[in-house]
Amino acid sequence: MPTVYDLNLEQLTDRLVAWGEPAFRAKQVWSQLWKRAATYDRMSDVSPALRERLAQELPLGVEMLDERTADRGATRKALLRLGGEHAIETVLMGYRDRVTVCVSSQSGCAMGCTFCATGQMGLRNNLTAGEIAAQVVWARREAAHLPDSTPQRLSNVVFMGMGEPLANERHVFGAIARLTDPRAFGLGARHVTVSTVGLVPGIRKLTTAHPQVGLAVSFHAATDEVRSQLVPPNDLYPLAVLEDAMAAWRSATHRRPSIEWAMIDQVNDTEEQAGALAPIARRLGAHVNLIPLNPTPGYQVVGSAPARIRRFVEVLEREKVNVTVRDTRGRTIDAACGQLALSAQPSG
């Protein structure tokens, strides 16, 4: 069953007019859905009869099955059922200066990255543009319930949840268009980041379709031999091809890409890998984001020790590369990078 978030304003208007409602009523419902992130029962300017019919025939399509919290309530992982059938996980994270939602673009993932719990699931379903956007609307609504230490207002969206966004690019781009539309959700495009394992055709399309959206690329290795072991799509799009696409993106957008790197003990945390990464990062003007490896049941290799991470950072800084180590959030509830695998389950 289609959800209301899969409709544009014109389609919603046509539907309500066919029900005998005036056209302006659709604009009221639309504004409540997107701007206020209101559920039907909270739409006080809509009649109870219309609210009931909307709920039956154009459901919101977002049902929270379970939730886990960490970081004193500032990190919330929700198990959501979308469109009445697809189960995914979405993570809402409150910081002192911002609130970010990490959304899923697929249920599962087909990329096969061995150290990622979502990759270990395999692909189950692509999500529609409406199902993707609905997660962000849910986050706007739920941000108000974060601790007082956070702004309690959603400010950033990152496509870093379940799935490879550029393997579902039509729906991801559709969701971005709706989220950045001033008539709909109204989020600035520079507050959206798409993360990819390096699907070059998708990066090229993102460059023209949404040039203001940020780009984060999961490298995890700086030589093709090592990267192909960790990130199978590297066989199709090796590092030289990937770098060319990222350079074209930077030239067209004038924005700095981010290189994501999960630190895996004795695999990609060597000085040799750091030395190979440095010239690539410098040529791209990229920011390197090191991520302490988060444990997953299907990958027994452990994350790098703090001393090895520090040495990796030292090598990059010596080579004048901008680098940070990510402050991992939600690890205790399997909500951190690479851990999303529907581990939260309905209680009872």
C-alpha atoms as a PDB file:
ATOM      1  CA  MET A   1       0.000   0.000   0.000  1.00  0.00           C
ATOM      2  CA  PRO A   2       1.468   3.422  -0.925  1.00  0.00           C
ATOM      3  CA  THR A   3       2.131   5.806   1.943  1.00  0.00           C
ATOM      4  CA  VAL A   4       1.183   9.458   1.950  1.00  0.00           C
ATOM      5  CA  TYR A   5       4.863  10.423   1.793  1.00  0.00           C
ATOM      6  CA  ASP A   6       5.111   8.806  -1.642  1.00  0.00           C
ATOM      7  CA  LEU A   7       2.690  11.413  -3.032  1.00  0.00           C
ATOM      8  CA  ASN A   8       3.587  14.896  -4.194  1.00  0.00           C
ATOM      9  CA  LEU A   9       1.317  17.843  -3.431  1.00  0.00           C
ATOM     10  CA  GLU A  10      -0.478  17.616  -6.761  1.00  0.00           C
ATOM     11  CA  GLN A  11      -1.219  13.915  -6.277  1.00  0.00           C
ATOM     12  CA  LEU A  12      -2.442  14.500  -2.724  1.00  0.00           C
ATOM     13  CA  THR A  13      -4.655  17.313  -3.970  1.00  0.00           C
ATOM     14  CA  ASP A  14      -6.158  15.109  -6.674  1.00  0.00           C
ATOM     15  CA  ARG A  15      -6.899  12.409  -4.120  1.00  0.00           C
ATOM     16  CA  LEU A  16      -8.616  14.726  -1.645  1.00  0.00           C
ATOM     17  CA  VAL A  17     -10.590  16.550  -4.325  1.00  0.00           C
ATOM     18  CA  ALA A  18     -11.838  13.159  -5.533  1.00  0.00           C
ATOM     19  CA  TRP A  19     -13.063  12.593  -1.983  1.00  0.00           C
ATOM     20  CA  GLY A  20     -15.064  15.835  -2.169  1.00  0.00           C
ATOM     21  CA  GLU A  21     -12.623  17.976  -0.199  1.00  0.00           C
ATOM     22  CA  PRO A  22     -11.610  21.504  -1.298  1.00  0.00           C
ATOM     23  CA  ALA A  23      -8.134  21.845  -2.827  1.00  0.00           C
ATOM     24  CA  PHE A  24      -6.886  24.020   0.024  1.00  0.00           C
ATOM     25  CA  ARG A  25      -7.437  21.109   2.405  1.00  0.00           C
ATOM     26  CA  ALA A  26      -4.645  19.201   0.697  1.00  0.00           C
ATOM     27  CA  LYS A  27      -2.263  22.089   1.336  1.00  0.00           C
ATOM     28  CA  GLN A  28      -3.235  22.043   5.012  1.00  0.00           C
ATOM     29  CA  VAL A  29      -2.579  18.307   5.270  1.00  0.00           C
ATOM     30  CA  TRP A  30       0.651  18.621   3.267  1.00  0.00           C
ATOM     31  CA  SER A  31       2.033  21.357   5.507  1.00  0.00           C
ATOM     32  CA  GLN A  32       1.158  19.405   8.652  1.00  0.00           C
ATOM     33  CA  LEU A  33       2.769  16.236   7.290  1.00  0.00           C
ATOM     34  CA  TRP A  34       6.049  17.808   6.223  1.00  0.00           C
ATOM     35  CA  LYS A  35       6.598  21.073   8.092  1.00  0.00           C
ATOM     36  CA  ARG A  36       5.210  20.011  11.454  1.00  0.00           C
ATOM     37  CA  ALA A  37       5.853  16.267  11.061  1.00  0.00           C
ATOM     38  CA  ALA A  38       2.371  15.802  12.497  1.00  0.00           C
ATOM     39  CA  THR A  39       0.566  12.493  12.679  1.00  0.00           C
ATOM     40  CA  TYR A  40      -3.062  12.496  11.541  1.00  0.00           C
ATOM     41  CA  ASP A  41      -4.418  12.508  15.074  1.00  0.00           C
ATOM     42  CA  ARG A  42      -2.521  15.762  15.731  1.00  0.00           C
ATOM     43  CA  MET A  43      -4.031  17.659  12.783  1.00  0.00           C
ATOM     44  CA  SER A  44      -6.493  19.829  14.675  1.00  0.00           C
ATOM     45  CA  ASP A  45      -7.489  21.791  11.555  1.00  0.00           C
ATOM     46  CA  VAL A  46      -8.635  18.612   9.763  1.00  0.00           C
ATOM     47  CA  SER A  47     -12.016  17.022  10.507  1.00  0.00           C
ATOM     48  CA  PRO A  48     -12.079  13.719  12.398  1.00  0.00           C
ATOM     49  CA  ALA A  49     -13.786  12.030   9.439  1.00  0.00           C
ATOM     50  CA  LEU A  50     -11.041  13.087   7.018  1.00  0.00           C
ATOM     51  CA  ARG A  51      -8.318  12.132   9.474  1.00  0.00           C
ATOM     52  CA  GLU A  52      -9.831   8.664   9.728  1.00  0.00           C
ATOM     53  CA  ARG A  53     -10.057   8.254   5.973  1.00  0.00           C
ATOM     54  CA  LEU A  54      -6.491   9.460   5.478  1.00  0.00           C
ATOM     55  CA  ALA A  55      -5.253   6.950   8.045  1.00  0.00           C
ATOM     56  CA  GLN A  56      -7.086   4.131   6.296  1.00  0.00           C
ATOM     57  CA  GLU A  57      -6.348   4.942   2.652  1.00  0.00           C
ATOM     58  CA  LEU A  58      -3.125   6.975   2.828  1.00  0.00           C
ATOM     59  CA  PRO A  59      -1.305   5.732   5.914  1.00  0.00           C
ATOM     60  CA  LEU A  60       1.834   7.428   7.208  1.00  0.00           C
ATOM     61  CA  GLY A  61       3.572   4.089   6.810  1.00  0.00           C
ATOM     62  CA  VAL A  62       5.900   4.500   9.789  1.00  0.00           C
ATOM     63  CA  GLU A  63       5.398   2.130  12.685  1.00  0.00           C
ATOM     64  CA  MET A  64       7.930   1.930  15.521  1.00  0.00           C
ATOM     65  CA  LEU A  65       8.286  -1.696  16.599  1.00  0.00           C
ATOM     66  CA  ASP A  66      11.020  -1.230  19.172  1.00  0.00           C
ATOM     67  CA  GLU A  67      13.514   1.325  20.416  1.00  0.00           C
ATOM     68  CA  ARG A  68      16.847   1.285  22.239  1.00  0.00           C
ATOM     69  CA  THR A  69      18.624   4.238  23.804  1.00  0.00           C
ATOM     70  CA  ALA A  70      22.211   5.012  24.742  1.00  0.00           C
ATOM     71  CA  ASP A  71      24.406   7.984  25.643  1.00  0.00           C
ATOM     72  CA  ARG A  72      21.969   9.109  28.347  1.00  0.00           C
ATOM     73  CA  GLY A  73      19.133   9.189  25.883  1.00  0.00           C
ATOM     74  CA  ALA A  74      20.966  11.257  23.276  1.00  0.00           C
ATOM     75  CA  THR A  75      21.218   8.279  20.896  1.00  0.00           C
ATOM     76  CA  ARG A  76      18.030   6.479  19.916  1.00  0.00           C
ATOM     77  CA  LYS A  77      17.865   3.492  17.587  1.00  0.00           C
ATOM     78  CA  ALA A  78      14.396   2.693  16.298  1.00  0.00           C
ATOM     79  CA  LEU A  79      13.251  -0.477  14.600  1.00  0.00           C
ATOM     80  CA  LEU A  80      10.700   0.830  12.108  1.00  0.00           C
ATOM     81  CA  ARG A  81       8.251  -0.912   9.826  1.00  0.00           C
ATOM     82  CA  LEU A  82       7.836   1.120   6.656  1.00  0.00           C
ATOM     83  CA  GLY A  83       4.962   0.829   4.218  1.00  0.00           C
ATOM     84  CA  GLY A  84       3.508  -1.968   6.313  1.00  0.00           C
ATOM     85  CA  GLU A  85       6.193  -4.455   5.283  1.00  0.00           C
ATOM     86  CA  HIS A  86       9.862  -3.342   5.290  1.00  0.00           C
ATOM     87  CA  ALA A  87      11.752  -3.500   8.597  1.00  0.00           C
ATOM     88  CA  ILE A  88      14.721  -1.170   8.931  1.00  0.00           C
ATOM     89  CA  GLU A  89      16.689   0.643  11.623  1.00  0.00           C
ATOM     90  CA  THR A  90      17.061   4.407  11.939  1.00  0.00           C
ATOM     91  CA  VAL A  91      19.336   6.185  14.420  1.00  0.00           C
ATOM     92  CA  LEU A  92      18.681   9.626  15.896  1.00  0.00           C
ATOM     93  CA  MET A  93      21.694  11.291  17.513  1.00  0.00           C
ATOM     94  CA  GLY A  94      21.649  14.457  19.580  1.00  0.00           C
ATOM     95  CA  TYR A  95      24.847  16.457  20.078  1.00  0.00           C
ATOM     96  CA  ARG A  96      25.434  19.754  21.847  1.00  0.00           C
ATOM     97  CA  ASP A  97      25.279  21.726  18.616  1.00  0.00           C
ATOM     98  CA  ARG A  98      23.173  19.606  16.263  1.00  0.00           C
ATOM     99  CA  VAL A  99      20.758  16.714  15.861  1.00  0.00           C
ATOM    100  CA  THR A 100      21.461  14.171  13.135  1.00  0.00           C
ATOM    101  CA  VAL A 101      19.407  11.291  11.813  1.00  0.00           C
ATOM    102  CA  CYS A 102      21.098   8.336  10.130  1.00  0.00           C
ATOM    103  CA  VAL A 103      18.591   6.933   7.647  1.00  0.00           C
ATOM    104  CA  SER A 104      18.382   3.663   5.760  1.00  0.00           C
ATOM    105  CA  SER A 105      17.894   3.436   1.998  1.00  0.00           C
ATOM    106  CA  GLN A 106      17.472  -0.349   1.830  1.00  0.00           C
ATOM    107  CA  SER A 107      16.555  -3.202   4.123  1.00  0.00           C
ATOM    108  CA  GLY A 108      19.835  -5.077   4.171  1.00  0.00           C
ATOM    109  CA  CYS A 109      22.601  -4.481   1.632  1.00  0.00           C
ATOM    110  CA  ALA A 110      24.044  -6.301  -1.378  1.00  0.00           C
ATOM    111  CA  MET A 111      27.537  -4.791  -1.291  1.00  0.00           C
ATOM    112  CA  GLY A 112      29.007  -7.624   0.783  1.00  0.00           C
ATOM    113  CA  CYS A 113      31.451  -5.641   2.928  1.00  0.00           C
ATOM    114  CA  THR A 114      32.592  -8.355   5.300  1.00  0.00           C
ATOM    115  CA  PHE A 115      33.027  -6.242   8.439  1.00  0.00           C
ATOM    116  CA  CYS A 116      29.546  -4.644   8.220  1.00  0.00           C
ATOM    117  CA  ALA A 117      26.561  -6.289   9.902  1.00  0.00           C
ATOM    118  CA  THR A 118      24.156  -4.909   7.295  1.00  0.00           C
ATOM    119  CA  GLY A 119      26.324  -6.331   4.518  1.00  0.00           C
ATOM    120  CA  GLN A 120      26.267  -9.700   6.232  1.00  0.00           C
ATOM    121  CA  MET A 121      22.436  -9.683   5.927  1.00  0.00           C
ATOM    122  CA  GLY A 122      22.331  -9.431   2.156  1.00  0.00           C
ATOM    123  CA  LEU A 123      19.728  -7.309   0.388  1.00  0.00           C
ATOM    124  CA  ARG A 124      16.078  -7.736   1.326  1.00  0.00           C
ATOM    125  CA  ASN A 125      14.301  -4.727  -0.169  1.00  0.00           C
ATOM    126  CA  ASN A 126      14.823  -1.307  -1.684  1.00  0.00           C
ATOM    127  CA  LEU A 127      12.894   1.454   0.059  1.00  0.00           C
ATOM    128  CA  THR A 128      10.736   3.924  -1.833  1.00  0.00           C
ATOM    129  CA  ALA A 129      11.441   7.655  -1.797  1.00  0.00           C
ATOM    130  CA  GLY A 130       8.505   8.105   0.558  1.00  0.00           C
ATOM    131  CA  GLU A 131       9.704   5.403   2.939  1.00  0.00           C
ATOM    132  CA  ILE A 132      13.144   6.998   3.071  1.00  0.00           C
ATOM    133  CA  ALA A 133      11.771  10.492   3.632  1.00  0.00           C
ATOM    134  CA  ALA A 134       9.336   9.184   6.249  1.00  0.00           C
ATOM    135  CA  GLN A 135      12.289   8.276   8.473  1.00  0.00           C
ATOM    136  CA  VAL A 136      13.418  11.906   8.431  1.00  0.00           C
ATOM    137  CA  VAL A 137       9.911  13.145   9.198  1.00  0.00           C
ATOM    138  CA  TRP A 138       9.808  10.690  12.119  1.00  0.00           C
ATOM    139  CA  ALA A 139      13.151  12.081  13.311  1.00  0.00           C
ATOM    140  CA  ARG A 140      11.906  15.677  13.127  1.00  0.00           C
ATOM    141  CA  ARG A 141       9.006  14.693  15.351  1.00  0.00           C
ATOM    142  CA  GLU A 142      11.092  12.666  17.806  1.00  0.00           C
ATOM    143  CA  ALA A 143      13.936  15.186  18.114  1.00  0.00           C
ATOM    144  CA  ALA A 144      11.765  17.182  20.504  1.00  0.00           C
ATOM    145  CA  HIS A 145      12.045  14.302  22.996  1.00  0.00           C
ATOM    146  CA  LEU A 146      15.843  14.227  23.115  1.00  0.00           C
ATOM    147  CA  PRO A 147      17.596  15.424  26.311  1.00  0.00           C
ATOM    148  CA  ASP A 148      17.748  19.139  27.045  1.00  0.00           C
ATOM    149  CA  SER A 149      21.502  19.020  26.395  1.00  0.00           C
ATOM    150  CA  THR A 150      20.736  18.813  22.652  1.00  0.00           C
ATOM    151  CA  PRO A 151      19.066  21.426  20.401  1.00  0.00           C
ATOM    152  CA  GLN A 152      15.985  19.124  20.149  1.00  0.00           C
ATOM    153  CA  ARG A 153      15.565  20.162  16.532  1.00  0.00           C
ATOM    154  CA  LEU A 154      16.644  18.043  13.586  1.00  0.00           C
ATOM    155  CA  SER A 155      19.445  19.708  11.626  1.00  0.00           C
ATOM    156  CA  ASN A 156      21.280  17.043   9.602  1.00  0.00           C
ATOM    157  CA  VAL A 157      20.473  13.942   7.561  1.00  0.00           C
ATOM    158  CA  VAL A 158      23.100  11.329   6.708  1.00  0.00           C
ATOM    159  CA  PHE A 159      22.457   8.388   4.389  1.00  0.00           C
ATOM    160  CA  MET A 160      24.671   6.085   6.437  1.00  0.00           C
ATOM    161  CA  GLY A 161      22.128   3.595   7.722  1.00  0.00           C
ATOM    162  CA  MET A 162      21.198   0.255   6.213  1.00  0.00           C
ATOM    163  CA  GLY A 163      21.897  -0.204   2.521  1.00  0.00           C
ATOM    164  CA  GLU A 164      23.992   1.382  -0.224  1.00  0.00           C
ATOM    165  CA  PRO A 165      22.234   4.639  -1.176  1.00  0.00           C
ATOM    166  CA  LEU A 166      23.628   4.750  -4.717  1.00  0.00           C
ATOM    167  CA  ALA A 167      22.350   1.220  -5.383  1.00  0.00           C
ATOM    168  CA  ASN A 168      18.863   2.661  -4.882  1.00  0.00           C
ATOM    169  CA  GLU A 169      19.633   6.034  -6.408  1.00  0.00           C
ATOM    170  CA  ARG A 170      16.242   6.766  -8.004  1.00  0.00           C
ATOM    171  CA  HIS A 171      14.432   6.579  -4.705  1.00  0.00           C
ATOM    172  CA  VAL A 172      17.268   8.166  -2.722  1.00  0.00           C
ATOM    173  CA  PHE A 173      17.398  11.112  -5.114  1.00  0.00           C
ATOM    174  CA  GLY A 174      13.612  11.360  -4.934  1.00  0.00           C
ATOM    175  CA  ALA A 175      13.751  11.469  -1.141  1.00  0.00           C
ATOM    176  CA  ILE A 176      16.459  14.136  -1.204  1.00  0.00           C
ATOM    177  CA  ALA A 177      14.375  16.230  -3.599  1.00  0.00           C
ATOM    178  CA  ARG A 178      11.391  16.094  -1.234  1.00  0.00           C
ATOM    179  CA  LEU A 179      13.482  16.747   1.873  1.00  0.00           C
ATOM    180  CA  THR A 180      15.167  19.799   0.333  1.00  0.00           C
ATOM    181  CA  ASP A 181      12.000  21.174  -1.291  1.00  0.00           C
ATOM    182  CA  PRO A 182      11.021  24.429   0.488  1.00  0.00           C
ATOM    183  CA  ARG A 183       7.361  23.496  -0.075  1.00  0.00           C
ATOM    184  CA  ALA A 184       7.839  20.175   1.703  1.00  0.00           C
ATOM    185  CA  PHE A 185      10.384  19.361   4.422  1.00  0.00           C
ATOM    186  CA  GLY A 186      12.562  22.387   3.674  1.00  0.00           C
ATOM    187  CA  LEU A 187      15.991  21.126   4.786  1.00  0.00           C
ATOM    188  CA  GLY A 188      19.042  22.816   3.286  1.00  0.00           C
ATOM    189  CA  ALA A 189      20.877  20.517   0.861  1.00  0.00           C
ATOM    190  CA  ARG A 190      24.191  21.226   2.584  1.00  0.00           C
ATOM    191  CA  HIS A 191      22.778  19.540   5.667  1.00  0.00           C
ATOM    192  CA  VAL A 192      22.419  16.233   3.778  1.00  0.00           C
ATOM    193  CA  THR A 193      25.263  13.746   3.217  1.00  0.00           C
ATOM    194  CA  VAL A 194      25.197  10.621   1.070  1.00  0.00           C
ATOM    195  CA  SER A 195      27.611   7.827   1.976  1.00  0.00           C
ATOM    196  CA  THR A 196      28.677   5.243  -0.594  1.00  0.00           C
ATOM    197  CA  VAL A 197      31.160   2.399  -0.891  1.00  0.00           C
ATOM    198  CA  GLY A 198      32.198   3.926  -4.202  1.00  0.00           C
ATOM    199  CA  LEU A 199      29.579   3.258  -6.880  1.00  0.00           C
ATOM    200  CA  VAL A 200      31.086   5.527  -9.504  1.00  0.00           C
ATOM    201  CA  PRO A 201      28.036   5.923 -11.793  1.00  0.00           C
ATOM    202  CA  GLY A 202      25.982   7.017  -8.802  1.00  0.00           C
ATOM    203  CA  ILE A 203      28.601   9.553  -7.702  1.00  0.00           C
ATOM    204  CA  ARG A 204      28.546  11.070 -11.180  1.00  0.00           C
ATOM    205  CA  LYS A 205      24.744  11.292 -11.131  1.00  0.00           C
ATOM    206  CA  LEU A 206      24.745  12.775  -7.629  1.00  0.00           C
ATOM    207  CA  THR A 207      27.115  15.473  -8.886  1.00  0.00           C
ATOM    208  CA  THR A 208      24.529  16.782 -11.333  1.00  0.00           C
ATOM    209  CA  ALA A 209      21.282  15.844  -9.551  1.00  0.00           C
ATOM    210  CA  HIS A 210      22.117  17.258  -6.109  1.00  0.00           C
ATOM    211  CA  PRO A 211      25.380  19.259  -6.277  1.00  0.00           C
ATOM    212  CA  GLN A 212      24.963  20.791  -2.819  1.00  0.00           C
ATOM    213  CA  VAL A 213      24.607  17.439  -1.032  1.00  0.00           C
ATOM    214  CA  GLY A 214      27.695  16.172   0.794  1.00  0.00           C
ATOM    215  CA  LEU A 215      29.614  13.066  -0.272  1.00  0.00           C
ATOM    216  CA  ALA A 216      31.253  10.516   2.023  1.00  0.00           C
ATOM    217  CA  VAL A 217      33.071   7.548   0.494  1.00  0.00           C
ATOM    218  CA  SER A 218      33.871   4.406   2.448  1.00  0.00           C
ATOM    219  CA  PHE A 219      37.471   3.681   1.431  1.00  0.00           C
ATOM    220  CA  HIS A 220      38.735   1.394   4.234  1.00  0.00           C
ATOM    221  CA  ALA A 221      41.904   0.692   2.229  1.00  0.00           C
ATOM    222  CA  ALA A 222      44.198   2.656  -0.079  1.00  0.00           C
ATOM    223  CA  THR A 223      45.434  -0.194  -2.263  1.00  0.00           C
ATOM    224  CA  ASP A 224      43.221  -2.222  -4.593  1.00  0.00           C
ATOM    225  CA  GLU A 225      44.474  -5.539  -3.223  1.00  0.00           C
ATOM    226  CA  VAL A 226      43.362  -4.805   0.330  1.00  0.00           C
ATOM    227  CA  ARG A 227      40.260  -2.823  -0.615  1.00  0.00           C
ATOM    228  CA  SER A 228      38.834  -5.570  -2.822  1.00  0.00           C
ATOM    229  CA  GLN A 229      38.996  -7.925   0.160  1.00  0.00           C
ATOM    230  CA  LEU A 230      37.068  -5.498   2.357  1.00  0.00           C
ATOM    231  CA  VAL A 231      34.817  -3.755  -0.184  1.00  0.00           C
ATOM    232  CA  PRO A 232      33.879  -6.102  -3.086  1.00  0.00           C
ATOM    233  CA  PRO A 233      32.584  -3.322  -5.405  1.00  0.00           C
ATOM    234  CA  ASN A 234      36.218  -2.221  -5.682  1.00  0.00           C
ATOM    235  CA  ASP A 235      36.599  -4.937  -8.326  1.00  0.00           C
ATOM    236  CA  LEU A 236      34.215  -2.953 -10.555  1.00  0.00           C
ATOM    237  CA  TYR A 237      35.385   0.523  -9.568  1.00  0.00           C
ATOM    238  CA  PRO A 238      39.031   0.392  -8.467  1.00  0.00           C
ATOM    239  CA  LEU A 239      40.649   3.226  -6.607  1.00  0.00           C
ATOM    240  CA  ALA A 240      41.935   5.117  -9.636  1.00  0.00           C
ATOM    241  CA  VAL A 241      38.441   5.183 -11.190  1.00  0.00           C
ATOM    242  CA  LEU A 242      36.881   6.106  -7.858  1.00  0.00           C
ATOM    243  CA  GLU A 243      39.347   8.934  -7.319  1.00  0.00           C
ATOM    244  CA  ASP A 244      38.562  10.351 -10.764  1.00  0.00           C
ATOM    245  CA  ALA A 245      34.844  10.406  -9.956  1.00  0.00           C
ATOM    246  CA  MET A 246      35.454  12.064  -6.599  1.00  0.00           C
ATOM    247  CA  ALA A 247      37.750  14.641  -8.187  1.00  0.00           C
ATOM    248  CA  ALA A 248      35.055  15.463 -10.739  1.00  0.00           C
ATOM    249  CA  TRP A 249      32.507  15.796  -7.927  1.00  0.00           C
ATOM    250  CA  ARG A 250      34.816  18.173  -6.038  1.00  0.00           C
ATOM    251  CA  SER A 251      35.504  20.238  -9.156  1.00  0.00           C
ATOM    252  CA  ALA A 252      31.807  20.596  -9.920  1.00  0.00           C
ATOM    253  CA  THR A 253      30.544  21.214  -6.381  1.00  0.00           C
ATOM    254  CA  HIS A 254      33.527  23.001  -4.798  1.00  0.00           C
ATOM    255  CA  ARG A 255      32.930  20.909  -1.687  1.00  0.00           C
ATOM    256  CA  ARG A 256      35.305  18.724   0.276  1.00  0.00           C
ATOM    257  CA  PRO A 257      34.559  14.987   0.187  1.00  0.00           C
ATOM    258  CA  SER A 258      34.919  12.793   3.234  1.00  0.00           C
ATOM    259  CA  ILE A 259      36.873   9.540   3.248  1.00  0.00           C
ATOM    260  CA  GLU A 260      35.498   7.016   5.742  1.00  0.00           C
ATOM    261  CA  TRP A 261      37.898   4.423   7.148  1.00  0.00           C
ATOM    262  CA  ALA A 262      36.998   1.668   9.640  1.00  0.00           C
ATOM    263  CA  MET A 263      40.139   0.850  11.625  1.00  0.00           C
ATOM    264  CA  ILE A 264      40.662  -2.936  11.514  1.00  0.00           C
ATOM    265  CA  ASP A 265      43.535  -4.421  13.501  1.00  0.00           C
ATOM    266  CA  GLN A 266      46.460  -5.608  11.392  1.00  0.00           C
ATOM    267  CA  VAL A 267      44.384  -5.255   8.194  1.00  0.00           C
ATOM    268  CA  ASN A 268      44.169  -1.610   7.178  1.00  0.00           C
ATOM    269  CA  ASP A 269      45.694   0.222  10.142  1.00  0.00           C
ATOM    270  CA  THR A 270      49.335  -0.073   9.057  1.00  0.00           C
ATOM    271  CA  GLU A 271      51.699   2.792   8.352  1.00  0.00           C
ATOM    272  CA  GLU A 272      51.888   1.524   4.765  1.00  0.00           C
ATOM    273  CA  GLN A 273      48.141   1.989   4.324  1.00  0.00           C
ATOM    274  CA  ALA A 274      48.314   5.428   5.903  1.00  0.00           C
ATOM    275  CA  GLY A 275      51.152   6.318   3.583  1.00  0.00           C
ATOM    276  CA  ALA A 276      49.170   5.157   0.546  1.00  0.00           C
ATOM    277  CA  LEU A 277      46.079   7.059   1.678  1.00  0.00           C
ATOM    278  CA  ALA A 278      47.828  10.385   2.248  1.00  0.00           C
ATOM    279  CA  PRO A 279      48.465  11.387  -1.406  1.00  0.00           C
ATOM    280  CA  ILE A 280      44.937  10.375  -2.419  1.00  0.00           C
ATOM    281  CA  ALA A 281      43.421  12.484   0.361  1.00  0.00           C
ATOM    282  CA  ARG A 282      45.660  15.438  -0.500  1.00  0.00           C
ATOM    283  CA  ARG A 283      44.790  15.320  -4.195  1.00  0.00           C
ATOM    284  CA  LEU A 284      41.084  15.268  -3.359  1.00  0.00           C
ATOM    285  CA  GLY A 285      41.335  17.827  -0.585  1.00  0.00           C
ATOM    286  CA  ALA A 286      39.420  15.252   1.448  1.00  0.00           C
ATOM    287  CA  HIS A 287      38.748  15.010   5.136  1.00  0.00           C
ATOM    288  CA  VAL A 288      39.647  11.566   6.504  1.00  0.00           C
ATOM    289  CA  ASN A 289      37.266  10.219   9.124  1.00  0.00           C
ATOM    290  CA  LEU A 290      38.701   7.257  11.041  1.00  0.00           C
ATOM    291  CA  ILE A 291      36.107   4.977  12.611  1.00  0.00           C
ATOM    292  CA  PRO A 292      37.064   2.553  15.383  1.00  0.00           C
ATOM    293  CA  LEU A 293      35.745  -0.800  14.153  1.00  0.00           C
ATOM    294  CA  ASN A 294      32.499  -1.750  15.812  1.00  0.00           C
ATOM    295  CA  PRO A 295      31.982  -5.434  16.642  1.00  0.00           C
ATOM    296  CA  THR A 296      29.605  -7.509  14.503  1.00  0.00           C
ATOM    297  CA  PRO A 297      28.731 -11.199  14.979  1.00  0.00           C
ATOM    298  CA  GLY A 298      29.821 -12.257  11.493  1.00  0.00           C
ATOM    299  CA  TYR A 299      33.302 -10.694  11.498  1.00  0.00           C
ATOM    300  CA  GLN A 300      35.748 -11.920  14.090  1.00  0.00           C
ATOM    301  CA  VAL A 301      38.635  -9.528  13.390  1.00  0.00           C
ATOM    302  CA  VAL A 302      38.917  -6.871  16.087  1.00  0.00           C
ATOM    303  CA  GLY A 303      39.255  -3.143  15.848  1.00  0.00           C
ATOM    304  CA  SER A 304      42.566  -1.353  16.043  1.00  0.00           C
ATOM    305  CA  ALA A 305      44.113  -0.617  19.404  1.00  0.00           C
ATOM    306  CA  PRO A 306      44.200   3.075  20.406  1.00  0.00           C
ATOM    307  CA  ALA A 307      47.981   3.163  19.957  1.00  0.00           C
ATOM    308  CA  ARG A 308      47.694   1.974  16.351  1.00  0.00           C
ATOM    309  CA  ILE A 309      44.987   4.535  15.643  1.00  0.00           C
ATOM    310  CA  ARG A 310      47.194   7.278  17.065  1.00  0.00           C
ATOM    311  CA  ARG A 311      50.093   6.173  14.876  1.00  0.00           C
ATOM    312  CA  PHE A 312      47.845   6.155  11.800  1.00  0.00           C
ATOM    313  CA  VAL A 313      46.751   9.701  12.629  1.00  0.00           C
ATOM    314  CA  GLU A 314      50.359  10.798  13.099  1.00  0.00           C
ATOM    315  CA  VAL A 315      51.316   9.542   9.648  1.00  0.00           C
ATOM    316  CA  LEU A 316      48.433  11.390   8.010  1.00  0.00           C
ATOM    317  CA  GLU A 317      49.029  14.598   9.933  1.00  0.00           C
ATOM    318  CA  ARG A 318      52.707  14.516   9.026  1.00  0.00           C
ATOM    319  CA  GLU A 319      51.594  14.383   5.393  1.00  0.00           C
ATOM    320  CA  LYS A 320      49.317  17.421   5.940  1.00  0.00           C
ATOM    321  CA  VAL A 321      46.063  15.451   5.705  1.00  0.00           C
ATOM    322  CA  ASN A 322      42.999  16.656   7.596  1.00  0.00           C
ATOM    323  CA  VAL A 323      41.976  13.736   9.827  1.00  0.00           C
ATOM    324  CA  THR A 324      39.719  13.071  12.797  1.00  0.00           C
ATOM    325  CA  VAL A 325      38.694   9.985  14.774  1.00  0.00           C
ATOM    326  CA  ARG A 326      34.935   9.578  14.976  1.00  0.00           C
ATOM    327  CA  ASP A 327      33.313   9.787  18.380  1.00  0.00           C
ATOM    328  CA  THR A 328      31.451   6.476  18.253  1.00  0.00           C
ATOM    329  CA  ARG A 329      27.829   6.721  19.359  1.00  0.00           C
ATOM    330  CA  GLY A 330      25.409   3.925  20.222  1.00  0.00           C
ATOM    331  CA  ARG A 331      27.825   0.995  20.245  1.00  0.00           C
ATOM    332  CA  THR A 332      26.157  -0.554  23.306  1.00  0.00           C
ATOM    333  CA  ILE A 333      22.836  -0.800  21.448  1.00  0.00           C
ATOM    334  CA  ASP A 334      24.307  -1.922  18.097  1.00  0.00           C
ATOM    335  CA  ALA A 335      23.561   1.500  16.630  1.00  0.00           C
ATOM    336  CA  ALA A 336      27.088   2.488  15.634  1.00  0.00           C
ATOM    337  CA  CYS A 337      28.611   2.478  12.155  1.00  0.00           C
ATOM    338  CA  GLY A 338      28.354  -0.958  10.540  1.00  0.00           C
ATOM    339  CA  GLN A 339      26.179  -2.475  13.263  1.00  0.00           C
ATOM    340  CA  LEU A 340      22.664  -2.030  11.885  1.00  0.00           C
ATOM    341  CA  ALA A 341      21.186  -5.461  11.259  1.00  0.00           C
ATOM    342  CA  LEU A 342      17.669  -5.422  12.751  1.00  0.00           C
ATOM    343  CA  SER A 343      19.065  -6.438  16.129  1.00  0.00           C
ATOM    344  CA  ALA A 344      16.299  -4.536  17.931  1.00  0.00           C
ATOM    345  CA  GLN A 345      13.234  -6.761  18.007  1.00  0.00           C
ATOM    346  CA  PRO A 346       9.675  -6.149  19.127  1.00  0.00           C
ATOM    347  CA  SER A 347       9.198  -6.951  22.794  1.00  0.00           C
ATOM    348  CA  GLY A 348       6.452  -9.098  24.210  1.00  0.00           C
END
